[in-house]
Amino acid sequence: MKSIYKAKGTCSTQIEVEVCDGVVKNVCFRGGCSGNLQGICRLVEGMSVEEVKHRLSGIRCGNKQTSCPDQLCKALDAMVSE
């Protein structure tokens, strides 16, 4: 299943994520701090959705209430609720 999530409160404008059988297959952040986000993409690819949410949910970026990794968790939650 592929999904495009409109990120809120981060430097990324949207997150494209692909999940198959509960495992993250591909993640792409559009906009934002490219180098850091590429590392996060490589880190989570092959991880279970639940593990990604456990590790990255609630992470903040500076003074913001959220971050790109936290928004990835919200994107994964939105995929489950579709």
PDB file of N, CA and C in Angstrom:
ATOM      1  N   MET A   1       0.840  -1.162   0.000  1.00  0.00           N
ATOM      2  CA  MET A   1       0.000   0.000   0.000  1.00  0.00           C
ATOM      3  C   MET A   1       0.893   1.235   0.000  1.00  0.00           C
ATOM      4  N   LYS A   2       0.599   2.170  -0.878  1.00  0.00           N
ATOM      5  CA  LYS A   2       1.323   3.437  -0.940  1.00  0.00           C
ATOM      6  C   LYS A   2       0.414   4.557  -0.461  1.00  0.00           C
ATOM      7  N   SER A   3       1.026   5.559   0.149  1.00  0.00           N
ATOM      8  CA  SER A   3       0.268   6.695   0.644  1.00  0.00           C
ATOM      9  C   SER A   3       1.110   7.952   0.545  1.00  0.00           C
ATOM     10  N   ILE A   4       0.430   9.073   0.318  1.00  0.00           N
ATOM     11  CA  ILE A   4       1.065  10.390   0.360  1.00  0.00           C
ATOM     12  C   ILE A   4       0.409  11.150   1.504  1.00  0.00           C
ATOM     13  N   TYR A   5       1.227  11.618   2.444  1.00  0.00           N
ATOM     14  CA  TYR A   5       0.736  12.290   3.640  1.00  0.00           C
ATOM     15  C   TYR A   5       1.218  13.730   3.620  1.00  0.00           C
ATOM     16  N   LYS A   6       0.308  14.667   3.817  1.00  0.00           N
ATOM     17  CA  LYS A   6       0.654  16.089   3.885  1.00  0.00           C
ATOM     18  C   LYS A   6       1.179  16.386   5.279  1.00  0.00           C
ATOM     19  N   ALA A   7       2.483  16.622   5.397  1.00  0.00           N
ATOM     20  CA  ALA A   7       3.117  16.875   6.692  1.00  0.00           C
ATOM     21  C   ALA A   7       2.707  18.243   7.224  1.00  0.00           C
ATOM     22  N   LYS A   8       2.596  18.340   8.550  1.00  0.00           N
ATOM     23  CA  LYS A   8       2.194  19.589   9.193  1.00  0.00           C
ATOM     24  C   LYS A   8       3.216  19.953  10.263  1.00  0.00           C
ATOM     25  N   GLY A   9       3.668  21.207  10.279  1.00  0.00           N
ATOM     26  CA  GLY A   9       4.559  21.688  11.324  1.00  0.00           C
ATOM     27  C   GLY A   9       6.006  21.281  11.169  1.00  0.00           C
ATOM     28  N   THR A  10       6.399  20.850   9.978  1.00  0.00           N
ATOM     29  CA  THR A  10       7.785  20.428   9.734  1.00  0.00           C
ATOM     30  C   THR A  10       8.309  21.096   8.473  1.00  0.00           C
ATOM     31  N   CYS A  11       9.589  20.880   8.189  1.00  0.00           N
ATOM     32  CA  CYS A  11      10.171  21.436   6.972  1.00  0.00           C
ATOM     33  C   CYS A  11       9.778  20.616   5.735  1.00  0.00           C
ATOM     34  N   SER A  12       9.330  19.391   5.917  1.00  0.00           N
ATOM     35  CA  SER A  12       8.857  18.581   4.794  1.00  0.00           C
ATOM     36  C   SER A  12       7.412  18.941   4.489  1.00  0.00           C
ATOM     37  N   THR A  13       7.087  18.994   3.206  1.00  0.00           N
ATOM     38  CA  THR A  13       5.717  19.313   2.824  1.00  0.00           C
ATOM     39  C   THR A  13       4.855  18.067   2.711  1.00  0.00           C
ATOM     40  N   GLN A  14       5.472  16.946   2.325  1.00  0.00           N
ATOM     41  CA  GLN A  14       4.723  15.702   2.259  1.00  0.00           C
ATOM     42  C   GLN A  14       5.651  14.512   2.423  1.00  0.00           C
ATOM     43  N   ILE A  15       5.048  13.408   2.833  1.00  0.00           N
ATOM     44  CA  ILE A  15       5.785  12.164   3.035  1.00  0.00           C
ATOM     45  C   ILE A  15       5.120  11.095   2.183  1.00  0.00           C
ATOM     46  N   GLU A  16       5.911  10.454   1.353  1.00  0.00           N
ATOM     47  CA  GLU A  16       5.421   9.329   0.562  1.00  0.00           C
ATOM     48  C   GLU A  16       5.939   8.064   1.225  1.00  0.00           C
ATOM     49  N   VAL A  17       5.030   7.144   1.530  1.00  0.00           N
ATOM     50  CA  VAL A  17       5.430   5.930   2.239  1.00  0.00           C
ATOM     51  C   VAL A  17       4.744   4.726   1.615  1.00  0.00           C
ATOM     52  N   GLU A  18       5.502   3.631   1.521  1.00  0.00           N
ATOM     53  CA  GLU A  18       4.976   2.377   1.002  1.00  0.00           C
ATOM     54  C   GLU A  18       5.175   1.303   2.064  1.00  0.00           C
ATOM     55  N   VAL A  19       4.092   0.585   2.365  1.00  0.00           N
ATOM     56  CA  VAL A  19       4.106  -0.473   3.368  1.00  0.00           C
ATOM     57  C   VAL A  19       3.544  -1.742   2.735  1.00  0.00           C
ATOM     58  N   CYS A  20       4.186  -2.866   3.010  1.00  0.00           N
ATOM     59  CA  CYS A  20       3.708  -4.158   2.525  1.00  0.00           C
ATOM     60  C   CYS A  20       3.805  -5.165   3.668  1.00  0.00           C
ATOM     61  N   ASP A  21       2.686  -5.802   4.003  1.00  0.00           N
ATOM     62  CA  ASP A  21       2.639  -6.803   5.072  1.00  0.00           C
ATOM     63  C   ASP A  21       3.191  -6.280   6.392  1.00  0.00           C
ATOM     64  N   GLY A  22       2.878  -5.020   6.716  1.00  0.00           N
ATOM     65  CA  GLY A  22       3.285  -4.447   7.989  1.00  0.00           C
ATOM     66  C   GLY A  22       4.739  -4.012   8.072  1.00  0.00           C
ATOM     67  N   VAL A  23       5.428  -3.989   6.923  1.00  0.00           N
ATOM     68  CA  VAL A  23       6.835  -3.604   6.876  1.00  0.00           C
ATOM     69  C   VAL A  23       6.985  -2.387   5.965  1.00  0.00           C
ATOM     70  N   VAL A  24       7.761  -1.398   6.418  1.00  0.00           N
ATOM     71  CA  VAL A  24       8.016  -0.197   5.623  1.00  0.00           C
ATOM     72  C   VAL A  24       8.971  -0.564   4.490  1.00  0.00           C
ATOM     73  N   LYS A  25       8.515  -0.374   3.270  1.00  0.00           N
ATOM     74  CA  LYS A  25       9.328  -0.714   2.088  1.00  0.00           C
ATOM     75  C   LYS A  25      10.066   0.493   1.525  1.00  0.00           C
ATOM     76  N   ASN A  26       9.422   1.659   1.591  1.00  0.00           N
ATOM     77  CA  ASN A  26      10.022   2.843   0.986  1.00  0.00           C
ATOM     78  C   ASN A  26       9.438   4.092   1.650  1.00  0.00           C
ATOM     79  N   VAL A  27      10.298   5.081   1.902  1.00  0.00           N
ATOM     80  CA  VAL A  27       9.874   6.367   2.447  1.00  0.00           C
ATOM     81  C   VAL A  27      10.585   7.470   1.678  1.00  0.00           C
ATOM     82  N   CYS A  28       9.851   8.524   1.361  1.00  0.00           N
ATOM     83  CA  CYS A  28      10.445   9.681   0.694  1.00  0.00           C
ATOM     84  C   CYS A  28       9.844  10.946   1.293  1.00  0.00           C
ATOM     85  N   PHE A  29      10.690  11.806   1.848  1.00  0.00           N
ATOM     86  CA  PHE A  29      10.263  13.102   2.369  1.00  0.00           C
ATOM     87  C   PHE A  29      10.457  14.133   1.268  1.00  0.00           C
ATOM     88  N   ARG A  30       9.446  14.937   0.997  1.00  0.00           N
ATOM     89  CA  ARG A  30       9.538  16.013   0.005  1.00  0.00           C
ATOM     90  C   ARG A  30       9.777  17.326   0.737  1.00  0.00           C
ATOM     91  N   GLY A  31      10.867  18.002   0.385  1.00  0.00           N
ATOM     92  CA  GLY A  31      11.247  19.228   1.071  1.00  0.00           C
ATOM     93  C   GLY A  31      12.027  18.870   2.324  1.00  0.00           C
ATOM     94  N   GLY A  32      12.491  19.852   3.032  1.00  0.00           N
ATOM     95  CA  GLY A  32      13.150  19.588   4.308  1.00  0.00           C
ATOM     96  C   GLY A  32      14.648  19.420   4.211  1.00  0.00           C
ATOM     97  N   CYS A  33      15.226  19.015   5.328  1.00  0.00           N
ATOM     98  CA  CYS A  33      16.682  18.862   5.451  1.00  0.00           C
ATOM     99  C   CYS A  33      17.098  17.518   4.858  1.00  0.00           C
ATOM    100  N   SER A  34      17.347  17.532   3.594  1.00  0.00           N
ATOM    101  CA  SER A  34      17.534  16.336   2.781  1.00  0.00           C
ATOM    102  C   SER A  34      18.480  15.294   3.366  1.00  0.00           C
ATOM    103  N   GLY A  35      19.658  15.674   3.800  1.00  0.00           N
ATOM    104  CA  GLY A  35      20.642  14.691   4.274  1.00  0.00           C
ATOM    105  C   GLY A  35      20.150  13.900   5.471  1.00  0.00           C
ATOM    106  N   ASN A  36      19.615  14.582   6.475  1.00  0.00           N
ATOM    107  CA  ASN A  36      19.097  13.896   7.656  1.00  0.00           C
ATOM    108  C   ASN A  36      17.932  12.993   7.303  1.00  0.00           C
ATOM    109  N   LEU A  37      17.042  13.462   6.431  1.00  0.00           N
ATOM    110  CA  LEU A  37      15.860  12.688   6.086  1.00  0.00           C
ATOM    111  C   LEU A  37      16.209  11.468   5.250  1.00  0.00           C
ATOM    112  N   GLN A  38      17.234  11.561   4.411  1.00  0.00           N
ATOM    113  CA  GLN A  38      17.668  10.385   3.657  1.00  0.00           C
ATOM    114  C   GLN A  38      18.153   9.304   4.602  1.00  0.00           C
ATOM    115  N   GLY A  39      18.853   9.711   5.658  1.00  0.00           N
ATOM    116  CA  GLY A  39      19.311   8.748   6.656  1.00  0.00           C
ATOM    117  C   GLY A  39      18.157   8.075   7.367  1.00  0.00           C
ATOM    118  N   ILE A  40      17.121   8.839   7.697  1.00  0.00           N
ATOM    119  CA  ILE A  40      15.944   8.273   8.347  1.00  0.00           C
ATOM    120  C   ILE A  40      15.251   7.295   7.403  1.00  0.00           C
ATOM    121  N   CYS A  41      15.161   7.653   6.132  1.00  0.00           N
ATOM    122  CA  CYS A  41      14.540   6.757   5.148  1.00  0.00           C
ATOM    123  C   CYS A  41      15.268   5.418   5.104  1.00  0.00           C
ATOM    124  N   ARG A  42      16.582   5.462   5.037  1.00  0.00           N
ATOM    125  CA  ARG A  42      17.364   4.213   5.000  1.00  0.00           C
ATOM    126  C   ARG A  42      17.220   3.432   6.306  1.00  0.00           C
ATOM    127  N   LEU A  43      17.138   4.141   7.422  1.00  0.00           N
ATOM    128  CA  LEU A  43      17.005   3.491   8.722  1.00  0.00           C
ATOM    129  C   LEU A  43      15.708   2.699   8.829  1.00  0.00           C
ATOM    130  N   VAL A  44      14.589   3.283   8.416  1.00  0.00           N
ATOM    131  CA  VAL A  44      13.294   2.648   8.643  1.00  0.00           C
ATOM    132  C   VAL A  44      12.900   1.630   7.577  1.00  0.00           C
ATOM    133  N   GLU A  45      13.516   1.683   6.415  1.00  0.00           N
ATOM    134  CA  GLU A  45      13.167   0.719   5.378  1.00  0.00           C
ATOM    135  C   GLU A  45      13.514  -0.684   5.844  1.00  0.00           C
ATOM    136  N   GLY A  46      12.517  -1.556   5.821  1.00  0.00           N
ATOM    137  CA  GLY A  46      12.679  -2.928   6.280  1.00  0.00           C
ATOM    138  C   GLY A  46      12.230  -3.135   7.721  1.00  0.00           C
ATOM    139  N   MET A  47      11.939  -2.047   8.436  1.00  0.00           N
ATOM    140  CA  MET A  47      11.444  -2.149   9.811  1.00  0.00           C
ATOM    141  C   MET A  47       9.930  -2.340   9.792  1.00  0.00           C
ATOM    142  N   SER A  48       9.417  -2.976  10.830  1.00  0.00           N
ATOM    143  CA  SER A  48       7.961  -3.096  10.941  1.00  0.00           C
ATOM    144  C   SER A  48       7.371  -1.726  11.258  1.00  0.00           C
ATOM    145  N   VAL A  49       6.127  -1.540  10.862  1.00  0.00           N
ATOM    146  CA  VAL A  49       5.432  -0.282  11.134  1.00  0.00           C
ATOM    147  C   VAL A  49       5.412  -0.012  12.637  1.00  0.00           C
ATOM    148  N   GLU A  50       5.122  -1.026  13.428  1.00  0.00           N
ATOM    149  CA  GLU A  50       5.047  -0.850  14.881  1.00  0.00           C
ATOM    150  C   GLU A  50       6.395  -0.434  15.472  1.00  0.00           C
ATOM    151  N   GLU A  51       7.486  -0.994  14.958  1.00  0.00           N
ATOM    152  CA  GLU A  51       8.814  -0.626  15.456  1.00  0.00           C
ATOM    153  C   GLU A  51       9.142   0.824  15.101  1.00  0.00           C
ATOM    154  N   VAL A  52       8.814   1.238  13.891  1.00  0.00           N
ATOM    155  CA  VAL A  52       9.049   2.628  13.482  1.00  0.00           C
ATOM    156  C   VAL A  52       8.270   3.567  14.395  1.00  0.00           C
ATOM    157  N   LYS A  53       7.002   3.256  14.628  1.00  0.00           N
ATOM    158  CA  LYS A  53       6.178   4.109  15.488  1.00  0.00           C
ATOM    159  C   LYS A  53       6.717   4.130  16.914  1.00  0.00           C
ATOM    160  N   HIS A  54       7.178   3.008  17.410  1.00  0.00           N
ATOM    161  CA  HIS A  54       7.728   2.942  18.768  1.00  0.00           C
ATOM    162  C   HIS A  54       8.985   3.810  18.900  1.00  0.00           C
ATOM    163  N   ARG A  55       9.845   3.772  17.895  1.00  0.00           N
ATOM    164  CA  ARG A  55      11.119   4.491  17.965  1.00  0.00           C
ATOM    165  C   ARG A  55      11.011   5.983  17.655  1.00  0.00           C
ATOM    166  N   LEU A  56      10.095   6.358  16.765  1.00  0.00           N
ATOM    167  CA  LEU A  56      10.101   7.729  16.248  1.00  0.00           C
ATOM    168  C   LEU A  56       8.923   8.592  16.678  1.00  0.00           C
ATOM    169  N   SER A  57       7.885   8.005  17.236  1.00  0.00           N
ATOM    170  CA  SER A  57       6.698   8.771  17.616  1.00  0.00           C
ATOM    171  C   SER A  57       7.021   9.772  18.718  1.00  0.00           C
ATOM    172  N   GLY A  58       6.540  10.995  18.547  1.00  0.00           N
ATOM    173  CA  GLY A  58       6.685  12.025  19.564  1.00  0.00           C
ATOM    174  C   GLY A  58       7.977  12.808  19.521  1.00  0.00           C
ATOM    175  N   ILE A  59       8.865  12.500  18.599  1.00  0.00           N
ATOM    176  CA  ILE A  59      10.127  13.242  18.483  1.00  0.00           C
ATOM    177  C   ILE A  59       9.828  14.669  18.048  1.00  0.00           C
ATOM    178  N   ARG A  60      10.477  15.611  18.705  1.00  0.00           N
ATOM    179  CA  ARG A  60      10.307  17.022  18.375  1.00  0.00           C
ATOM    180  C   ARG A  60      11.555  17.549  17.666  1.00  0.00           C
ATOM    181  N   CYS A  61      11.370  18.631  16.921  1.00  0.00           N
ATOM    182  CA  CYS A  61      12.463  19.272  16.199  1.00  0.00           C
ATOM    183  C   CYS A  61      12.597  20.698  16.707  1.00  0.00           C
ATOM    184  N   GLY A  62      13.640  20.945  17.495  1.00  0.00           N
ATOM    185  CA  GLY A  62      13.829  22.284  18.042  1.00  0.00           C
ATOM    186  C   GLY A  62      12.669  22.684  18.926  1.00  0.00           C
ATOM    187  N   ASN A  63      12.112  23.866  18.679  1.00  0.00           N
ATOM    188  CA  ASN A  63      10.978  24.362  19.454  1.00  0.00           C
ATOM    189  C   ASN A  63       9.632  23.937  18.884  1.00  0.00           C
ATOM    190  N   LYS A  64       9.641  23.180  17.801  1.00  0.00           N
ATOM    191  CA  LYS A  64       8.393  22.740  17.177  1.00  0.00           C
ATOM    192  C   LYS A  64       7.766  21.617  18.005  1.00  0.00           C
ATOM    193  N   GLN A  65       6.478  21.444  17.859  1.00  0.00           N
ATOM    194  CA  GLN A  65       5.761  20.394  18.575  1.00  0.00           C
ATOM    195  C   GLN A  65       5.876  19.039  17.902  1.00  0.00           C
ATOM    196  N   THR A  66       6.472  19.006  16.719  1.00  0.00           N
ATOM    197  CA  THR A  66       6.561  17.768  15.952  1.00  0.00           C
ATOM    198  C   THR A  66       7.871  17.761  15.180  1.00  0.00           C
ATOM    199  N   SER A  67       8.075  16.758  14.365  1.00  0.00           N
ATOM    200  CA  SER A  67       9.263  16.644  13.520  1.00  0.00           C
ATOM    201  C   SER A  67       8.910  15.773  12.320  1.00  0.00           C
ATOM    202  N   CYS A  68       9.813  15.691  11.372  1.00  0.00           N
ATOM    203  CA  CYS A  68       9.575  14.824  10.217  1.00  0.00           C
ATOM    204  C   CYS A  68       9.433  13.356  10.639  1.00  0.00           C
ATOM    205  N   PRO A  69      10.285  12.824  11.548  1.00  0.00           N
ATOM    206  CA  PRO A  69      10.072  11.442  11.993  1.00  0.00           C
ATOM    207  C   PRO A  69       8.725  11.246  12.685  1.00  0.00           C
ATOM    208  N   ASP A  70       8.303  12.212  13.504  1.00  0.00           N
ATOM    209  CA  ASP A  70       7.000  12.121  14.170  1.00  0.00           C
ATOM    210  C   ASP A  70       5.875  12.144  13.137  1.00  0.00           C
ATOM    211  N   GLN A  71       6.017  12.983  12.121  1.00  0.00           N
ATOM    212  CA  GLN A  71       5.010  13.046  11.066  1.00  0.00           C
ATOM    213  C   GLN A  71       4.965  11.753  10.258  1.00  0.00           C
ATOM    214  N   LEU A  72       6.100  11.065  10.109  1.00  0.00           N
ATOM    215  CA  LEU A  72       6.105   9.754   9.466  1.00  0.00           C
ATOM    216  C   LEU A  72       5.221   8.795  10.256  1.00  0.00           C
ATOM    217  N   CYS A  73       5.295   8.842  11.568  1.00  0.00           N
ATOM    218  CA  CYS A  73       4.449   7.988  12.410  1.00  0.00           C
ATOM    219  C   CYS A  73       2.981   8.310  12.191  1.00  0.00           C
ATOM    220  N   LYS A  74       2.660   9.588  12.063  1.00  0.00           N
ATOM    221  CA  LYS A  74       1.281   9.994  11.811  1.00  0.00           C
ATOM    222  C   LYS A  74       0.826   9.507  10.428  1.00  0.00           C
ATOM    223  N   ALA A  75       1.734   9.530   9.454  1.00  0.00           N
ATOM    224  CA  ALA A  75       1.411   9.011   8.124  1.00  0.00           C
ATOM    225  C   ALA A  75       1.107   7.518   8.187  1.00  0.00           C
ATOM    226  N   LEU A  76       1.908   6.788   8.959  1.00  0.00           N
ATOM    227  CA  LEU A  76       1.670   5.349   9.108  1.00  0.00           C
ATOM    228  C   LEU A  76       0.340   5.087   9.808  1.00  0.00           C
ATOM    229  N   ASP A  77       0.009   5.887  10.817  1.00  0.00           N
ATOM    230  CA  ASP A  77      -1.279   5.758  11.497  1.00  0.00           C
ATOM    231  C   ASP A  77      -2.423   6.023  10.530  1.00  0.00           C
ATOM    232  N   ALA A  78      -2.255   7.035   9.679  1.00  0.00           N
ATOM    233  CA  ALA A  78      -3.307   7.370   8.706  1.00  0.00           C
ATOM    234  C   ALA A  78      -3.507   6.240   7.705  1.00  0.00           C
ATOM    235  N   MET A  79      -2.443   5.555   7.337  1.00  0.00           N
ATOM    236  CA  MET A  79      -2.558   4.428   6.415  1.00  0.00           C
ATOM    237  C   MET A  79      -3.397   3.317   7.028  1.00  0.00           C
ATOM    238  N   VAL A  80      -3.197   3.061   8.302  1.00  0.00           N
ATOM    239  CA  VAL A  80      -3.923   1.991   8.991  1.00  0.00           C
ATOM    240  C   VAL A  80      -5.409   2.313   9.076  1.00  0.00           C
ATOM    241  N   SER A  81      -5.740   3.596   9.253  1.00  0.00           N
ATOM    242  CA  SER A  81      -7.130   3.975   9.423  1.00  0.00           C
ATOM    243  C   SER A  81      -7.891   4.100   8.098  1.00  0.00           C
ATOM    244  N   GLU A  82      -7.201   4.011   6.970  1.00  0.00           N
ATOM    245  CA  GLU A  82      -7.868   4.131   5.646  1.00  0.00           C
ATOM    246  C   GLU A  82      -8.670   2.888   5.344  1.00  0.00           C
TER     247      GLU A  82
END
